[in-house]
Protein backbone atom coordinates (compact mmCIF):
# COMPACT_ATOMS: atom_id res chain seq x y z
CA UNK A 1 10.24 37.63 19.70
CA UNK A 2 6.91 38.32 18.43
CA UNK A 3 4.36 36.47 20.33
CA UNK A 4 2.88 33.83 18.19
CA UNK A 5 -0.79 33.37 17.70
CA UNK A 6 -3.26 33.63 20.62
CA UNK A 7 -4.24 30.25 21.94
CA UNK A 8 -7.11 29.54 24.29
CA UNK A 9 -6.29 26.81 26.76
CA UNK A 10 -8.91 24.08 26.87
CA UNK A 11 -8.82 21.05 29.09
CA UNK A 12 -8.10 18.01 26.99
CA UNK A 13 -10.18 14.86 27.09
CA UNK A 14 -8.48 11.81 28.51
CA UNK A 15 -8.58 9.45 25.58
CA UNK A 16 -7.66 5.76 25.73
CA UNK A 17 -5.14 4.08 23.47
CA UNK A 18 -6.23 2.76 20.13
CA UNK A 19 -4.67 1.13 17.05
CA UNK A 20 -3.43 3.52 14.37
CA UNK A 21 -4.72 3.21 10.85
CA UNK A 22 -3.92 5.58 8.05
CA UNK A 23 -7.00 7.65 7.17
CA UNK A 24 -8.47 6.79 3.80
CA UNK A 25 -8.54 10.31 2.49
CA UNK A 26 -5.61 12.39 1.19
CA UNK A 27 -3.47 14.18 3.73
CA UNK A 28 -1.32 17.25 3.64
CA UNK A 29 1.67 17.88 5.85
CA UNK A 30 1.13 20.56 8.49
CA UNK A 31 3.43 23.01 6.76
CA UNK A 32 1.66 22.64 3.42
CA UNK A 33 -1.71 22.80 5.12
CA UNK A 34 -0.88 25.95 6.98
CA UNK A 35 0.42 27.77 3.92
CA UNK A 36 -2.48 26.77 1.71
CA UNK A 37 -5.10 27.40 4.36
CA UNK A 38 -3.70 30.81 5.15
CA UNK A 39 -3.86 31.70 1.49
CA UNK A 40 -7.37 30.42 1.24
CA UNK A 41 -8.66 32.05 4.40
CA UNK A 42 -7.10 34.97 4.08
CA UNK A 43 20.69 43.56 31.54
CA UNK A 44 24.40 44.18 30.99
CA UNK A 45 26.62 47.24 30.41
CA UNK A 46 28.43 47.08 27.12
CA UNK A 47 30.98 44.36 27.57
CA UNK A 48 32.53 42.21 24.91
CA UNK A 49 30.34 39.13 24.41
CA UNK A 50 32.03 35.84 25.21
CA UNK A 51 30.78 32.55 23.85
CA UNK A 52 29.93 30.14 26.63
CA UNK A 53 30.11 26.41 26.09
CA UNK A 54 27.32 24.27 27.46
CA UNK A 55 28.57 20.87 28.49
CA UNK A 56 26.66 17.98 27.03
CA UNK A 57 26.24 14.53 28.48
CA UNK A 58 28.65 13.45 25.77
CA UNK A 59 32.10 14.90 25.28
CA UNK A 60 30.92 17.20 22.49
CA UNK A 61 29.08 20.48 22.88
CA UNK A 62 27.38 23.26 20.96
CA UNK A 63 28.47 26.87 21.25
CA UNK A 64 26.31 29.95 21.11
CA UNK A 65 27.51 33.39 22.15
CA UNK A 66 25.52 34.16 25.27
CA UNK A 67 24.82 37.70 26.34
CA UNK A 68 23.89 38.23 29.97
CA UNK A 69 22.39 41.49 31.09
CA UNK A 70 24.05 43.08 34.13
CA UNK A 71 22.48 45.68 36.38
CA UNK A 72 22.43 49.07 34.73
CA UNK A 73 21.97 47.82 31.18
CA UNK A 74 19.23 49.32 28.97
CA UNK A 75 15.85 47.68 29.17
CA UNK A 76 15.72 46.67 25.51
CA UNK A 77 17.61 46.75 22.28
CA UNK A 78 20.87 45.35 23.58
CA UNK A 79 22.20 41.86 24.20
CA UNK A 80 20.56 40.42 27.26
CA UNK A 81 17.39 39.08 28.75
CA UNK A 82 14.97 41.67 27.51
CA UNK A 83 13.57 42.10 31.01
CA UNK A 84 11.63 45.14 32.00
CA UNK A 85 13.83 45.60 35.08
CA UNK A 86 17.46 44.69 35.44
CA UNK A 87 18.16 45.10 39.14
CA UNK A 88 17.77 42.27 41.63
CA UNK A 89 16.25 39.92 39.07
CA UNK A 90 19.20 40.28 36.73
CA UNK A 91 21.71 39.56 39.45
CA UNK A 92 19.75 36.46 40.42
CA UNK A 93 19.74 35.29 36.84
CA UNK A 94 23.46 35.74 36.41
CA UNK A 95 23.89 33.53 39.44
CA UNK A 96 22.12 30.60 37.81
CA UNK A 97 23.00 31.21 34.18
CA UNK A 98 26.49 29.83 34.58
CA UNK A 99 25.26 26.42 35.62
CA UNK A 100 24.28 26.71 39.28
CA UNK A 101 21.62 24.22 40.25
CA UNK A 102 20.26 26.37 43.08
CA UNK A 103 16.57 27.14 43.16
CA UNK A 104 15.44 29.61 40.52
CA UNK A 105 12.47 31.94 40.59
CA UNK A 106 10.32 30.50 37.79
CA UNK A 107 8.74 33.93 37.30
CA UNK A 108 12.08 35.52 36.46
CA UNK A 109 11.06 36.31 32.88
CA UNK A 110 7.38 37.17 33.37
CA UNK A 111 7.98 40.92 32.89
CA UNK A 112 9.90 40.44 29.65
CA UNK A 113 9.73 43.20 27.04
CA UNK A 114 10.32 41.65 23.61
CA UNK A 115 12.08 43.52 20.86
CA UNK A 116 13.57 40.87 18.56
CA UNK A 117 12.44 37.26 18.47
CA UNK A 118 13.61 33.98 16.97
CA UNK A 119 10.75 31.64 16.04
CA UNK A 120 11.36 27.97 15.24
CA UNK A 121 9.07 25.67 13.20
CA UNK A 122 7.59 22.33 14.19
CA UNK A 123 6.87 19.02 12.54
CA UNK A 124 5.33 19.46 9.11
CA UNK A 125 7.79 22.14 8.00
CA UNK A 126 10.18 19.55 6.57
CA UNK A 127 10.75 19.30 2.83
CA UNK A 128 13.14 17.26 0.71
CA UNK A 129 16.09 19.48 -0.20
CA UNK A 130 16.41 21.21 3.15
CA UNK A 131 19.87 21.37 4.64
CA UNK A 132 21.68 21.93 1.35
CA UNK A 133 22.32 25.62 1.98
CA UNK A 134 23.89 24.75 5.32
CA UNK A 135 26.72 22.90 3.63
CA UNK A 136 28.28 26.16 2.44
CA UNK A 137 28.71 27.26 6.07
CA UNK A 138 31.24 25.02 7.88
CA UNK A 139 29.77 25.50 11.36
CA UNK A 140 26.28 24.67 10.09
CA UNK A 141 27.54 21.66 8.15
CA UNK A 142 29.26 20.40 11.27
CA UNK A 143 25.90 20.14 13.05
CA UNK A 144 24.78 17.46 10.60
CA UNK A 145 27.99 15.52 11.18
CA UNK A 146 27.46 15.66 14.93
CA UNK A 147 23.87 14.55 14.40
CA UNK A 148 24.94 11.47 12.44
CA UNK A 149 26.84 10.13 15.44
CA UNK A 150 23.82 10.55 17.71
CA UNK A 151 21.14 9.37 15.28
CA UNK A 152 23.06 6.53 13.67
CA UNK A 153 22.22 7.51 10.10
CA UNK A 154 23.13 10.17 7.54
CA UNK A 155 20.66 12.92 8.40
CA UNK A 156 21.81 15.29 5.66
CA UNK A 157 21.26 12.62 3.02
CA UNK A 158 17.66 12.13 4.13
CA UNK A 159 17.07 15.89 4.33
CA UNK A 160 18.61 16.55 0.93
CA UNK A 161 17.46 13.53 -1.04
CA UNK A 162 14.56 11.94 0.80
CA UNK A 163 12.60 9.91 0.03
CA UNK A 164 9.75 12.14 1.18
CA UNK A 165 7.99 9.30 2.99
CA UNK A 166 11.07 8.70 5.12
CA UNK A 167 11.64 12.39 5.88
CA UNK A 168 7.97 12.84 6.79
CA UNK A 169 8.04 10.09 9.41
CA UNK A 170 7.85 11.35 12.98
CA UNK A 171 11.11 9.69 14.03
CA UNK A 172 13.06 11.35 11.20
CA UNK A 173 11.31 14.70 10.70
CA UNK A 174 11.67 15.86 14.30
CA UNK A 175 15.49 15.51 14.46
CA UNK A 176 15.73 16.84 10.90
CA UNK A 177 13.83 20.04 11.69
CA UNK A 178 15.71 20.56 14.97
CA UNK A 179 19.13 20.31 13.30
CA UNK A 180 18.16 22.28 10.20
CA UNK A 181 16.69 25.09 12.29
CA UNK A 182 19.87 25.45 14.35
CA UNK A 183 21.87 25.27 11.13
CA UNK A 184 19.82 28.26 9.95
CA UNK A 185 21.07 30.16 13.00
CA UNK A 186 24.64 29.51 11.86
CA UNK A 187 23.80 30.57 8.31
CA UNK A 188 22.49 33.84 9.71
CA UNK A 189 25.57 34.21 11.90
CA UNK A 190 27.81 33.90 8.82
CA UNK A 191 25.87 36.62 7.01
CA UNK A 192 27.02 40.22 7.19
CA UNK A 193 25.37 41.71 10.25
CA UNK A 194 24.09 38.29 11.31
CA UNK A 195 26.01 38.15 14.56
CA UNK A 196 24.53 41.50 15.58
CA UNK A 197 21.03 40.19 14.87
CA UNK A 198 21.65 37.12 17.01
CA UNK A 199 22.95 39.30 19.83
CA UNK A 200 19.81 41.43 19.66
CA UNK A 201 17.41 38.52 20.17
CA UNK A 202 15.72 38.85 23.56
CA UNK A 203 12.95 36.23 23.34
CA UNK A 204 12.45 32.97 21.50
CA UNK A 205 9.87 30.24 21.04
CA UNK A 206 9.02 27.35 18.76
CA UNK A 207 5.93 25.56 17.54
CA UNK A 208 5.63 22.21 19.35
CA UNK A 209 8.92 20.49 18.45
CA UNK A 210 10.36 23.97 17.85
CA UNK A 211 10.26 24.63 21.60
CA UNK A 212 13.23 22.27 21.94
CA UNK A 213 15.09 24.22 19.26
CA UNK A 214 14.33 27.48 21.05
CA UNK A 215 15.61 26.08 24.34
CA UNK A 216 18.83 24.93 22.68
CA UNK A 217 19.33 28.37 21.14
CA UNK A 218 18.71 29.95 24.54
CA UNK A 219 21.35 27.75 26.16
CA UNK A 220 19.01 25.67 28.33
CA UNK A 221 20.75 22.54 27.06
CA UNK A 222 23.45 21.62 24.57
CA UNK A 223 22.88 20.89 20.89
CA UNK A 224 23.69 17.24 21.51
CA UNK A 225 21.46 16.83 24.54
CA UNK A 226 18.62 18.56 22.73
CA UNK A 227 19.01 16.24 19.75
CA UNK A 228 18.95 13.19 22.01
CA UNK A 229 15.72 14.45 23.57
CA UNK A 230 14.17 15.19 20.18
CA UNK A 231 15.16 11.75 18.88
CA UNK A 232 13.51 10.07 21.85
CA UNK A 233 10.48 12.36 21.59
CA UNK A 234 9.90 11.35 17.98
CA UNK A 235 10.25 7.67 18.79
CA UNK A 236 7.97 7.88 21.82
CA UNK A 237 5.29 9.81 19.93
CA UNK A 238 5.41 7.32 17.06
CA UNK A 239 4.98 4.41 19.46
CA UNK A 240 2.03 6.14 21.12
CA UNK A 241 0.48 6.79 17.72
CA UNK A 242 0.94 3.16 16.68
CA UNK A 243 -1.20 2.15 19.66
CA UNK A 244 -4.21 4.19 18.55
CA UNK A 245 -6.49 4.69 15.59
CA UNK A 246 -6.19 8.45 15.66
CA UNK A 247 -5.32 11.48 13.59
CA UNK A 248 -5.49 15.22 13.13
CA UNK A 249 -7.48 17.52 10.88
CA UNK A 250 -7.17 21.24 10.27
CA UNK A 251 -10.38 23.24 10.38
CA UNK A 252 -10.21 26.38 8.25
CA UNK A 253 -12.41 29.45 8.46
CA UNK A 254 -13.84 29.25 11.98
CA UNK A 255 -12.88 30.94 15.23
CA UNK A 256 -11.83 28.78 18.18
CA UNK A 257 -15.23 28.94 19.87
CA UNK A 258 -16.98 27.54 16.80
CA UNK A 259 -14.33 24.86 16.35
CA UNK A 260 -14.95 23.83 19.96
CA UNK A 261 -18.68 23.60 19.23
CA UNK A 262 -17.86 21.50 16.18
CA UNK A 263 -15.79 19.17 18.36
CA UNK A 264 -18.62 18.95 20.88
CA UNK A 265 -21.05 18.00 18.12
CA UNK A 266 -18.68 15.36 16.77
CA UNK A 267 -18.11 13.94 20.25
CA UNK A 268 -21.85 13.40 20.69
CA UNK A 269 -21.72 10.84 17.89
CA UNK A 270 -18.70 8.79 18.93
CA UNK A 271 -17.66 6.70 21.91
CA UNK A 272 -15.11 7.76 24.50
CA UNK A 273 -12.26 6.18 22.55
CA UNK A 274 -12.86 8.47 19.58
CA UNK A 275 -13.35 11.84 21.28
CA UNK A 276 -11.67 14.87 19.69
CA UNK A 277 -10.35 18.21 20.92
CA UNK A 278 -8.56 21.29 19.63
CA UNK A 279 -4.85 20.45 19.70
CA UNK A 280 -3.18 23.34 17.89
CA UNK A 281 -4.34 26.94 18.29
CA UNK A 282 -2.49 28.44 15.34
CA UNK A 283 -4.44 31.60 14.53
CA UNK A 284 -8.01 32.72 14.03
CA UNK A 285 -9.45 30.63 11.23
CA UNK A 286 -6.80 27.92 11.48
CA UNK A 287 -7.06 25.32 14.24
CA UNK A 288 -6.04 21.67 14.29
CA UNK A 289 -8.27 19.05 15.88
CA UNK A 290 -6.88 15.77 17.25
CA UNK A 291 -8.52 12.58 18.41
CA UNK A 292 -9.88 9.19 17.49
CA UNK A 293 -10.30 8.43 13.82
CA UNK A 294 -14.10 8.20 13.99
CA UNK A 295 -14.21 11.53 15.79
CA UNK A 296 -11.97 13.10 13.14
CA UNK A 297 -14.28 11.77 10.43
CA UNK A 298 -17.28 13.23 12.29
CA UNK A 299 -15.56 16.63 12.39
CA UNK A 300 -14.98 16.46 8.65
CA UNK A 301 -18.59 15.45 8.01
CA UNK A 302 -20.06 18.24 10.14
CA UNK A 303 -17.64 21.05 9.28
CA UNK A 304 -19.66 22.57 6.46
CA UNK A 305 -22.80 22.73 8.57
CA UNK A 306 -20.78 24.90 10.97
CA UNK A 307 -19.77 27.04 7.97
CA UNK A 308 -16.12 26.02 7.97
CA UNK A 309 -14.36 26.91 4.75
CA UNK A 310 -12.65 23.55 4.52
CA UNK A 311 -10.98 20.75 6.45
CA UNK A 312 -7.58 19.26 5.67
CA UNK A 313 -6.45 15.92 7.07
CA UNK A 314 -2.90 16.26 8.36
CA UNK A 315 -0.05 13.90 7.48
CA UNK A 316 0.90 13.02 11.03
CA UNK A 317 1.17 9.67 12.77
CA UNK A 318 -1.60 10.23 15.28
CA UNK A 319 -3.47 12.51 17.66
CA UNK A 320 -0.61 14.72 18.81
CA UNK A 321 -1.11 17.06 21.78
CA UNK A 322 -3.90 14.99 23.31
CA UNK A 323 -4.06 12.19 25.86
CA UNK A 324 -3.44 9.77 23.01
CA UNK A 325 0.22 10.70 23.52
CA UNK A 326 0.15 9.83 27.23
CA UNK A 327 2.31 6.70 26.73
CA UNK A 328 5.12 8.99 25.54
CA UNK A 329 5.14 11.08 28.72
CA UNK A 330 6.90 8.59 31.00
CA UNK A 331 9.73 8.09 28.50
CA UNK A 332 10.16 11.82 28.14
CA UNK A 333 10.13 12.31 31.90
CA UNK A 334 12.93 9.78 32.34
CA UNK A 335 15.04 11.31 29.57
CA UNK A 336 14.50 14.84 30.84
CA UNK A 337 15.37 13.82 34.39
CA UNK A 338 18.73 12.56 33.12
CA UNK A 339 19.43 15.73 31.11
CA UNK A 340 21.12 18.83 32.48
CA UNK A 341 18.85 21.80 31.84
CA UNK A 342 19.80 25.32 32.84
CA UNK A 343 17.88 28.55 33.14
CA UNK A 344 17.63 29.93 29.59
CA UNK A 345 19.65 33.10 28.95
CA UNK A 346 16.56 34.74 27.40
CA UNK A 347 12.82 34.05 27.80
CA UNK A 348 11.58 30.92 26.00
CA UNK A 349 7.81 30.90 25.63
CA UNK A 350 6.16 27.58 26.48
CA UNK A 351 3.64 25.94 24.15
CA UNK A 352 1.65 24.70 27.13
CA UNK A 353 0.78 28.02 28.79
CA UNK A 354 2.27 30.69 26.48
CA UNK A 355 4.53 31.91 29.30
CA UNK A 356 8.31 31.94 29.83
CA UNK A 357 9.79 29.74 32.54
CA UNK A 358 13.14 30.02 34.29
CA UNK A 359 13.20 27.08 36.69
CA UNK A 360 14.86 24.00 35.09
CA UNK A 361 12.59 21.55 36.93
CA UNK A 362 9.52 23.42 35.72
CA UNK A 363 10.86 23.40 32.17
CA UNK A 364 11.36 19.63 32.37
CA UNK A 365 7.82 19.09 33.63
CA UNK A 366 6.34 21.27 30.91
CA UNK A 367 8.30 19.56 28.14
CA UNK A 368 7.09 16.15 29.32
CA UNK A 369 3.47 17.30 29.36
CA UNK A 370 3.72 19.26 26.13
CA UNK A 371 2.90 16.22 23.97
CA UNK A 372 -0.49 15.81 25.68
CA UNK A 373 -1.36 19.52 25.92
CA UNK A 374 -2.87 21.84 23.30
CA UNK A 375 -0.33 24.12 21.61
CA UNK A 376 -1.02 27.71 22.63
CA UNK A 377 0.68 29.28 19.60
CA UNK A 378 -1.96 31.91 18.93
CA UNK A 379 -1.68 33.27 22.47
CA UNK A 380 2.10 33.21 22.26
CA UNK A 381 2.28 35.32 19.12
CA UNK A 382 -0.50 37.64 20.18
CA UNK A 383 1.27 38.26 23.49
CA UNK A 384 4.56 39.01 21.78
CA UNK A 385 2.91 41.47 19.43
CA UNK A 386 0.96 43.10 22.26
CA UNK A 387 4.13 43.48 24.32
CA UNK A 388 5.72 45.44 21.51
CA UNK A 389 7.76 42.98 19.45
CA UNK A 390 9.50 44.90 16.70
CA UNK A 391 11.12 42.25 14.52
CA UNK A 392 11.08 38.48 14.34
CA UNK A 393 12.91 35.82 12.38
CA UNK A 394 11.66 32.38 11.41
CA UNK A 395 14.66 30.05 11.34
CA UNK A 396 14.45 26.69 9.64
CA UNK A 397 12.54 24.98 6.84
CA UNK A 398 9.27 26.36 5.52
CA UNK A 399 7.50 29.67 6.00
CA UNK A 400 4.48 28.59 8.01
CA UNK A 401 5.26 30.72 11.04
CA UNK A 402 5.82 33.83 8.96
CA UNK A 403 2.42 33.28 7.37
CA UNK A 404 0.75 32.96 10.76
CA UNK A 405 2.41 36.09 12.13
CA UNK A 406 1.43 38.08 9.04
CA UNK A 407 -2.13 36.83 9.32
CA UNK A 408 -2.28 38.14 12.88
CA UNK A 409 -0.67 41.46 12.02
CA UNK A 410 -0.15 42.45 8.39
CA UNK A 411 2.34 45.10 9.48
CA UNK A 412 4.45 42.67 11.49
CA UNK A 413 8.08 42.54 10.40
CA UNK A 414 9.29 38.96 10.03
CA UNK A 415 12.07 37.42 7.96
CA UNK A 416 12.63 33.78 7.08
CA UNK A 417 16.13 32.32 7.37
CA UNK A 418 16.19 28.91 5.73
CA UNK A 419 18.83 26.23 5.52
């Protein structure tokens, strides 16, 4: 996949808990913000593929055709891992890809050579009406039925009919985007030539929440187990947000260094409980800042003096991807420890360090810490493009990711597959 936008990794401030209050000024959801701000600112031999079933903790499971690369396969352009070399590393991967829990070299995918990528959206991409297209594809429609049993409510009804306030809530939007994005995969599969496209994908990643979707697509865990994790993640993040007066604001028109200086200036005027930091590195000119409400207000007040084009308060529950989310980490750690995670069949790029990981224990640790770490989306996309990504697909609601990729490289080839 095409590497998503370059992200500079900054150490985050350790911020104490606070009590959440809704900001007094209008907010835009992340997806709407990203679109508007972008506009304003801008290896196996050929063998027949066999679907492998990943066992879930429950009796149900989610199937994806998996394509393992055996020694001797071409380096790129065919079903497989997309690795630069296919010798000893490929044999080692095949050994763990079928469920072995033996130790795995976490650097297995570091030499990946991307050709075709699947990119999955994060929270903020949701919109009332999503999921309707999926009902014309039986396999996609079945995902919503499976989700109902896990979630305890009619997910499709909320996706299709709202109300918007309910769909936008953290506890609903995260499962909704996860399911709808994987439904988009099935919509593509049902399209003429879609199966061939899916087989050609040799790298994947997702923005924040979308990393879980990418891992499910890559076979690291089952659809059901992934949904259970996403459900808990949304609940844990909401609880952490409810304990803090915090928020997020998008700063448009500045590079990351100037946004950091803006944060530093804002932090000079607030106490430790209201410190802010860059939380989402989306692309040059589009960065999200998270932190205490007073710090967010200070960023908004000072932005024009730093020559920012504009700021947009985001419609999220709290200061995601900062230490404000630390209360959610222990719950995620416990849930991840109880979940079977396998080495992905293709590289999945982490939001935390913009690198692919193969070791299941490392993946679990990174997912737990992801909610308190800045999202390195800019680095991810830039790396993919630099490594030679030829084509990418954004699967799921919205077109935020496509806009980001195009902003980074106007010639980049990316297609949106909605549901």
